[in-house]
């Protein structure tokens, strides 16, 4: 007998909340979806702080629904409606400014390999891929760092569920945060998130240099650098001033996106940065109601491009609601157990097998 929404509502009404009421009486259920014997839903807390304390409630809700007849698989995501609490005062550390002179490319202390993840244009899911690939590598036993180098539009603090200010014990050294087994640093953790970054190129380059050289990264097997879209100052500085292992380019299969991805590939080749592989994001869309597969942005274009230029094709990722919800909730989909987590795990294994992850 197939499970019904009423069955799920009844099960969730029995999950008591620490501060009174239950999931149904407090109206915290969102995006309930039943596909055959699989159930997905979101629990929406009032604030990010409440969501962080509700992991036992999420686990209890998942167990209660999983115990229902006709349910074989359950996916439950925690998210938050309200804004985060105001962060603590920033460290007494000046961010930005002109970079210090360098004789040439320098290594980052303690970091074995640095992989830049770039794209020719925005909106192709590069930051989502960066956070999930970092988490997937960490789950495979690698010591992983994630540097959000998108100075104008940092998104990794939200995607990784980190909102604390990094400590700076001496006004020079920066202590990064830890999230989901990954060492994290972003300009978004250092500046007021409500304020736009209005900087010219030299200040961008100075901030990137600070996050590479003043952050106490510790001993890392790999540092993932989430680049801004395009081919600008940050990319140029990273490729010329840092010993990069190589770059991964993310694109959708859409022709317009591929045009810009080729520019990113040309930039890396011009700067003599090895291209380690290509990833096709938003490759397919599978309707959650009927299972029909559609190719909204085309399909296979990135794989053909990889074959044409002779670089590895690291995989194709579909448009996925759970991935978006997980990123908004600060818990990357790769941190859980699902088909999408398996896809990122496979990518991580391919990088490890190739000696670059």
Protein backbone atom coordinates (compact mmCIF):
# COMPACT_ATOMS: atom_id res chain seq x y z
CA UNK A 1 0.00 0.00 0.00
CA UNK A 2 1.43 3.38 -1.06
CA UNK A 3 2.19 5.92 1.63
CA UNK A 4 0.11 9.12 1.55
CA UNK A 5 0.81 12.71 2.65
CA UNK A 6 -1.66 12.19 5.48
CA UNK A 7 0.40 9.23 6.75
CA UNK A 8 3.52 11.37 6.76
CA UNK A 9 1.75 14.29 8.43
CA UNK A 10 0.56 11.99 11.18
CA UNK A 11 4.06 10.58 11.73
CA UNK A 12 5.61 14.03 11.89
CA UNK A 13 2.94 15.27 14.29
CA UNK A 14 4.41 12.83 16.80
CA UNK A 15 7.87 14.46 16.64
CA UNK A 16 8.02 16.80 19.64
CA UNK A 17 10.21 19.90 19.53
CA UNK A 18 12.50 20.85 22.44
CA UNK A 19 10.75 24.20 22.91
CA UNK A 20 7.22 22.84 22.60
CA UNK A 21 4.83 21.71 19.89
CA UNK A 22 5.61 19.37 17.02
CA UNK A 23 6.69 19.65 13.40
CA UNK A 24 3.14 19.91 12.09
CA UNK A 25 1.63 22.21 14.70
CA UNK A 26 4.61 24.57 14.27
CA UNK A 27 4.22 24.47 10.45
CA UNK A 28 7.81 23.43 9.75
CA UNK A 29 7.19 20.93 6.92
CA UNK A 30 8.14 22.08 3.41
CA UNK A 31 8.50 20.57 -0.09
CA UNK A 32 7.00 17.15 0.68
CA UNK A 33 7.53 14.89 -2.33
CA UNK A 34 6.53 11.23 -2.70
CA UNK A 35 8.02 9.25 -5.58
CA UNK A 36 6.99 5.62 -5.48
CA UNK A 37 8.44 4.34 -2.21
CA UNK A 38 10.78 7.31 -1.77
CA UNK A 39 9.94 10.36 0.34
CA UNK A 40 11.68 13.73 0.43
CA UNK A 41 10.88 16.79 2.52
CA UNK A 42 12.40 19.84 4.15
CA UNK A 43 12.19 20.95 7.78
CA UNK A 44 12.34 24.74 7.91
CA UNK A 45 13.48 26.28 11.20
CA UNK A 46 12.97 29.93 12.16
CA UNK A 47 16.69 30.83 12.17
CA UNK A 48 20.00 29.20 11.17
CA UNK A 49 20.84 28.88 14.87
CA UNK A 50 17.63 26.90 15.47
CA UNK A 51 18.42 24.68 12.48
CA UNK A 52 21.87 23.87 13.85
CA UNK A 53 20.28 22.61 17.08
CA UNK A 54 17.64 20.52 15.33
CA UNK A 55 19.71 17.66 13.93
CA UNK A 56 18.19 15.21 16.48
CA UNK A 57 14.72 16.34 15.34
CA UNK A 58 15.67 15.81 11.69
CA UNK A 59 16.99 12.33 12.47
CA UNK A 60 13.84 11.46 14.44
CA UNK A 61 11.61 12.67 11.59
CA UNK A 62 13.57 10.61 9.07
CA UNK A 63 13.30 7.50 11.24
CA UNK A 64 9.56 8.01 11.83
CA UNK A 65 8.79 8.30 8.11
CA UNK A 66 11.13 5.44 7.22
CA UNK A 67 9.15 3.19 9.60
CA UNK A 68 5.92 3.74 7.65
CA UNK A 69 4.62 0.95 5.46
CA UNK A 70 5.38 1.52 1.80
CA UNK A 71 8.48 3.67 2.41
CA UNK A 72 11.91 2.41 1.35
CA UNK A 73 13.95 5.61 1.23
CA UNK A 74 13.73 8.96 3.05
CA UNK A 75 15.65 12.19 2.47
CA UNK A 76 15.21 14.99 5.04
CA UNK A 77 16.96 18.37 4.82
CA UNK A 78 17.14 21.07 7.48
CA UNK A 79 16.95 24.69 6.36
CA UNK A 80 16.17 28.04 7.96
CA UNK A 81 13.81 30.90 7.15
CA UNK A 82 15.15 33.78 9.19
CA UNK A 83 18.51 35.60 8.98
CA UNK A 84 21.59 34.52 10.85
CA UNK A 85 22.52 36.27 14.03
CA UNK A 86 24.78 39.26 13.65
CA UNK A 87 28.38 37.97 13.51
CA UNK A 88 31.03 38.98 15.97
CA UNK A 89 33.28 41.93 15.26
CA UNK A 90 35.89 41.23 12.59
CA UNK A 91 39.50 40.62 13.57
CA UNK A 92 41.81 43.60 13.72
CA UNK A 93 43.12 42.78 10.27
CA UNK A 94 43.09 44.92 7.15
CA UNK A 95 41.73 43.05 4.16
CA UNK A 96 42.61 44.03 0.62
CA UNK A 97 45.17 46.61 -0.43
CA UNK A 98 47.99 46.27 -2.92
CA UNK A 99 49.69 42.88 -3.04
CA UNK A 100 53.22 42.43 -1.78
CA UNK A 101 55.90 41.94 -4.46
CA UNK A 102 56.77 38.36 -5.39
CA UNK A 103 59.73 37.12 -7.38
CA UNK A 104 57.59 34.42 -8.96
CA UNK A 105 55.04 31.71 -8.19
CA UNK A 106 55.10 30.66 -4.53
CA UNK A 107 53.88 27.59 -2.72
CA UNK A 108 51.29 27.75 0.04
CA UNK A 109 52.84 26.45 3.24
CA UNK A 110 51.63 22.97 4.14
CA UNK A 111 49.54 22.50 0.98
CA UNK A 112 50.48 19.64 -1.33
CA UNK A 113 48.23 20.36 -4.33
CA UNK A 114 46.08 23.33 -5.39
CA UNK A 115 43.20 22.84 -7.82
CA UNK A 116 41.36 25.86 -9.23
CA UNK A 117 37.73 25.37 -10.28
CA UNK A 118 36.66 27.90 -12.87
CA UNK A 119 34.03 28.69 -15.46
CA UNK A 120 33.74 31.02 -18.40
CA UNK A 121 30.51 32.54 -17.11
CA UNK A 122 28.40 32.76 -13.97
CA UNK A 123 25.35 30.66 -13.19
CA UNK A 124 26.72 27.28 -14.21
CA UNK A 125 27.00 25.90 -10.65
CA UNK A 126 30.75 26.23 -10.21
CA UNK A 127 30.54 27.09 -6.50
CA UNK A 128 28.13 24.21 -5.86
CA UNK A 129 30.54 21.84 -7.57
CA UNK A 130 33.48 23.28 -5.60
CA UNK A 131 31.87 22.82 -2.18
CA UNK A 132 30.54 19.34 -2.90
CA UNK A 133 33.77 18.12 -4.49
CA UNK A 134 35.71 19.39 -1.46
CA UNK A 135 33.37 17.53 0.91
CA UNK A 136 33.51 14.38 -1.24
CA UNK A 137 37.31 14.41 -1.19
CA UNK A 138 37.27 14.86 2.59
CA UNK A 139 34.93 11.87 2.94
CA UNK A 140 37.46 9.84 0.96
CA UNK A 141 40.04 10.55 3.64
CA UNK A 142 41.82 13.52 2.07
CA UNK A 143 42.81 16.61 4.07
CA UNK A 144 40.98 19.29 2.11
CA UNK A 145 40.84 23.08 2.13
CA UNK A 146 38.33 25.26 0.28
CA UNK A 147 39.21 28.84 -0.63
CA UNK A 148 36.35 31.02 -1.89
CA UNK A 149 38.21 33.37 -4.27
CA UNK A 150 35.05 34.98 -5.65
CA UNK A 151 35.70 38.33 -3.97
CA UNK A 152 32.68 40.15 -5.39
CA UNK A 153 30.18 37.34 -4.84
CA UNK A 154 31.35 34.90 -2.14
CA UNK A 155 28.87 32.06 -1.64
CA UNK A 156 30.81 29.35 0.19
CA UNK A 157 29.98 30.59 3.73
CA UNK A 158 26.27 29.96 3.00
CA UNK A 159 26.82 26.72 1.11
CA UNK A 160 29.11 25.30 3.80
CA UNK A 161 26.98 26.54 6.71
CA UNK A 162 29.74 28.73 8.17
CA UNK A 163 29.04 32.24 9.49
CA UNK A 164 31.61 32.84 12.22
CA UNK A 165 34.41 35.36 11.85
CA UNK A 166 37.84 33.76 11.50
CA UNK A 167 40.12 34.55 14.41
CA UNK A 168 43.26 36.66 13.99
CA UNK A 169 45.36 36.40 17.14
CA UNK A 170 48.01 38.87 15.96
CA UNK A 171 46.27 40.98 13.31
CA UNK A 172 48.25 39.13 10.61
CA UNK A 173 47.57 35.42 10.88
CA UNK A 174 44.06 34.23 9.91
CA UNK A 175 42.61 31.08 11.49
CA UNK A 176 40.22 29.44 9.00
CA UNK A 177 36.94 27.72 9.87
CA UNK A 178 36.09 24.03 9.72
CA UNK A 179 32.91 22.74 8.08
CA UNK A 180 31.94 19.19 7.05
CA UNK A 181 35.55 18.01 7.37
CA UNK A 182 36.87 20.85 5.16
CA UNK A 183 39.09 23.80 6.13
CA UNK A 184 37.30 26.90 4.83
CA UNK A 185 38.26 30.49 4.06
CA UNK A 186 36.25 33.17 2.24
CA UNK A 187 36.29 36.95 1.99
CA UNK A 188 32.61 36.65 2.87
CA UNK A 189 33.66 35.64 6.39
CA UNK A 190 35.77 38.76 6.82
CA UNK A 191 33.50 41.53 5.55
CA UNK A 192 29.93 42.64 6.24
CA UNK A 193 27.80 40.29 4.09
CA UNK A 194 25.27 43.06 3.42
CA UNK A 195 27.89 45.38 1.92
CA UNK A 196 29.10 45.28 -1.68
CA UNK A 197 32.82 44.88 -2.29
CA UNK A 198 33.75 47.94 -4.36
CA UNK A 199 37.42 47.33 -5.08
CA UNK A 200 39.72 47.84 -8.01
CA UNK A 201 42.00 45.09 -9.30
CA UNK A 202 44.99 45.66 -6.98
CA UNK A 203 42.81 45.28 -3.88
CA UNK A 204 41.38 42.03 -5.25
CA UNK A 205 44.88 40.71 -5.83
CA UNK A 206 45.96 41.81 -2.36
CA UNK A 207 43.01 40.05 -0.72
CA UNK A 208 43.69 36.83 -2.66
CA UNK A 209 47.36 36.95 -1.65
CA UNK A 210 46.33 37.38 1.99
CA UNK A 211 43.95 34.42 1.92
CA UNK A 212 46.63 32.22 0.39
CA UNK A 213 49.61 33.24 2.51
CA UNK A 214 48.25 34.56 5.82
CA UNK A 215 45.70 31.81 6.46
CA UNK A 216 46.89 28.96 8.70
CA UNK A 217 45.84 26.20 6.32
CA UNK A 218 47.70 23.50 8.20
CA UNK A 219 48.73 20.32 6.40
CA UNK A 220 46.46 19.76 3.37
CA UNK A 221 46.50 17.15 0.64
CA UNK A 222 44.55 19.45 -1.65
CA UNK A 223 43.26 23.03 -1.62
CA UNK A 224 40.20 23.67 -3.82
CA UNK A 225 40.01 27.28 -5.05
CA UNK A 226 36.53 28.40 -6.11
CA UNK A 227 37.30 31.07 -8.72
CA UNK A 228 34.97 33.88 -9.80
CA UNK A 229 33.47 33.49 -13.28
CA UNK A 230 35.34 34.81 -16.27
CA UNK A 231 39.00 35.52 -16.99
CA UNK A 232 39.94 38.48 -14.80
CA UNK A 233 42.39 39.67 -12.18
CA UNK A 234 41.83 36.88 -9.64
CA UNK A 235 42.46 34.14 -12.20
CA UNK A 236 45.55 35.91 -13.52
CA UNK A 237 46.98 36.44 -10.03
CA UNK A 238 46.36 32.86 -8.93
CA UNK A 239 47.91 31.31 -12.04
CA UNK A 240 50.95 33.60 -12.08
CA UNK A 241 51.70 33.90 -8.37
CA UNK A 242 50.88 30.41 -7.04
CA UNK A 243 52.11 26.92 -7.81
CA UNK A 244 48.87 25.47 -9.19
CA UNK A 245 48.49 21.75 -9.78
CA UNK A 246 45.87 22.55 -12.40
CA UNK A 247 42.34 23.68 -13.10
CA UNK A 248 38.91 22.11 -13.57
CA UNK A 249 36.37 23.90 -15.77
CA UNK A 250 32.63 23.64 -15.10
CA UNK A 251 30.06 24.37 -17.79
CA UNK A 252 26.49 23.58 -18.72
CA UNK A 253 26.04 21.88 -22.11
CA UNK A 254 24.40 25.02 -23.51
CA UNK A 255 26.19 26.46 -26.55
CA UNK A 256 26.42 29.94 -24.99
CA UNK A 257 28.01 28.52 -21.83
CA UNK A 258 30.45 26.44 -23.88
CA UNK A 259 31.55 29.54 -25.81
CA UNK A 260 32.62 31.13 -22.52
CA UNK A 261 34.06 27.88 -21.17
CA UNK A 262 36.38 27.75 -24.18
CA UNK A 263 37.65 31.20 -23.22
CA UNK A 264 38.41 29.93 -19.73
CA UNK A 265 40.23 26.95 -21.24
CA UNK A 266 42.22 29.26 -23.49
CA UNK A 267 43.13 31.43 -20.51
CA UNK A 268 44.47 28.47 -18.53
CA UNK A 269 46.45 27.28 -21.57
CA UNK A 270 47.86 30.78 -22.10
CA UNK A 271 48.93 30.91 -18.45
CA UNK A 272 50.42 27.40 -18.71
CA UNK A 273 48.04 25.99 -16.10
CA UNK A 274 47.18 22.33 -16.82
CA UNK A 275 43.47 21.62 -17.34
CA UNK A 276 42.73 18.54 -15.24
CA UNK A 277 39.24 17.93 -16.55
CA UNK A 278 35.81 19.24 -17.48
CA UNK A 279 32.50 18.80 -15.63
CA UNK A 280 29.07 19.12 -17.26
CA UNK A 281 26.58 20.58 -14.78
CA UNK A 282 22.78 20.83 -15.25
CA UNK A 283 23.13 18.03 -17.78
CA UNK A 284 19.64 16.60 -17.40
CA UNK A 285 16.37 17.22 -15.60
CA UNK A 286 14.26 14.32 -14.36
CA UNK A 287 10.66 15.20 -13.54
CA UNK A 288 9.93 14.15 -9.93
CA UNK A 289 6.30 13.36 -10.82
CA UNK A 290 6.55 11.27 -13.98
CA UNK A 291 10.26 10.46 -14.27
CA UNK A 292 10.59 11.99 -17.72
CA UNK A 293 14.14 13.04 -18.56
CA UNK A 294 14.60 16.38 -20.33
CA UNK A 295 17.71 18.18 -21.54
CA UNK A 296 16.89 21.81 -20.77
CA UNK A 297 20.34 23.11 -21.70
CA UNK A 298 21.28 20.47 -24.23
CA UNK A 299 23.26 17.37 -23.38
CA UNK A 300 26.75 16.00 -23.90
CA UNK A 301 28.35 19.19 -25.17
CA UNK A 302 30.98 19.30 -22.42
CA UNK A 303 31.92 15.63 -22.93
CA UNK A 304 32.42 16.28 -26.65
CA UNK A 305 34.51 19.36 -25.88
CA UNK A 306 36.70 17.34 -23.48
CA UNK A 307 37.23 14.66 -26.12
CA UNK A 308 38.05 17.25 -28.77
CA UNK A 309 40.72 19.01 -26.71
CA UNK A 310 42.07 15.82 -25.14
CA UNK A 311 41.34 16.37 -21.44
CA UNK A 312 39.47 14.08 -19.03
CA UNK A 313 35.69 14.35 -18.75
CA UNK A 314 35.06 14.07 -15.02
CA UNK A 315 31.32 13.53 -15.18
CA UNK A 316 27.83 14.95 -15.75
CA UNK A 317 25.57 16.25 -12.98
CA UNK A 318 21.79 16.74 -13.30
CA UNK A 319 19.62 19.64 -12.19
CA UNK A 320 18.63 18.49 -8.72
CA UNK A 321 16.29 20.11 -6.18
CA UNK A 322 17.93 18.42 -3.19
CA UNK A 323 21.32 19.80 -4.19
CA UNK A 324 19.93 23.33 -4.25
CA UNK A 325 18.12 22.90 -0.93
CA UNK A 326 21.21 21.39 0.67
CA UNK A 327 23.38 24.29 -0.47
CA UNK A 328 20.89 26.84 0.84
CA UNK A 329 20.77 24.97 4.15
CA UNK A 330 24.57 24.94 4.50
CA UNK A 331 24.90 21.15 4.28
CA UNK A 332 26.36 20.15 0.88
CA UNK A 333 24.57 17.21 -0.73
CA UNK A 334 27.92 15.33 -0.80
CA UNK A 335 27.86 15.26 3.01
CA UNK A 336 24.91 12.85 2.98
CA UNK A 337 23.91 9.61 1.30
CA UNK A 338 22.08 9.93 -2.00
CA UNK A 339 22.53 9.43 -5.72
CA UNK A 340 23.98 12.94 -5.99
CA UNK A 341 26.41 12.27 -3.13
CA UNK A 342 27.49 9.13 -4.98
CA UNK A 343 28.07 11.17 -8.15
CA UNK A 344 30.41 13.55 -6.31
CA UNK A 345 32.09 10.63 -4.58
CA UNK A 346 32.80 9.06 -7.98
CA UNK A 347 34.34 12.33 -9.19
CA UNK A 348 36.51 12.50 -6.08
CA UNK A 349 37.68 8.92 -6.62
CA UNK A 350 38.57 9.71 -10.23
CA UNK A 351 40.69 12.66 -9.10
CA UNK A 352 42.38 10.54 -6.43
CA UNK A 353 43.03 7.72 -8.91
CA UNK A 354 44.61 10.29 -11.24
CA UNK A 355 46.92 11.46 -8.46
CA UNK A 356 45.48 14.96 -8.31
CA UNK A 357 42.91 14.64 -5.52
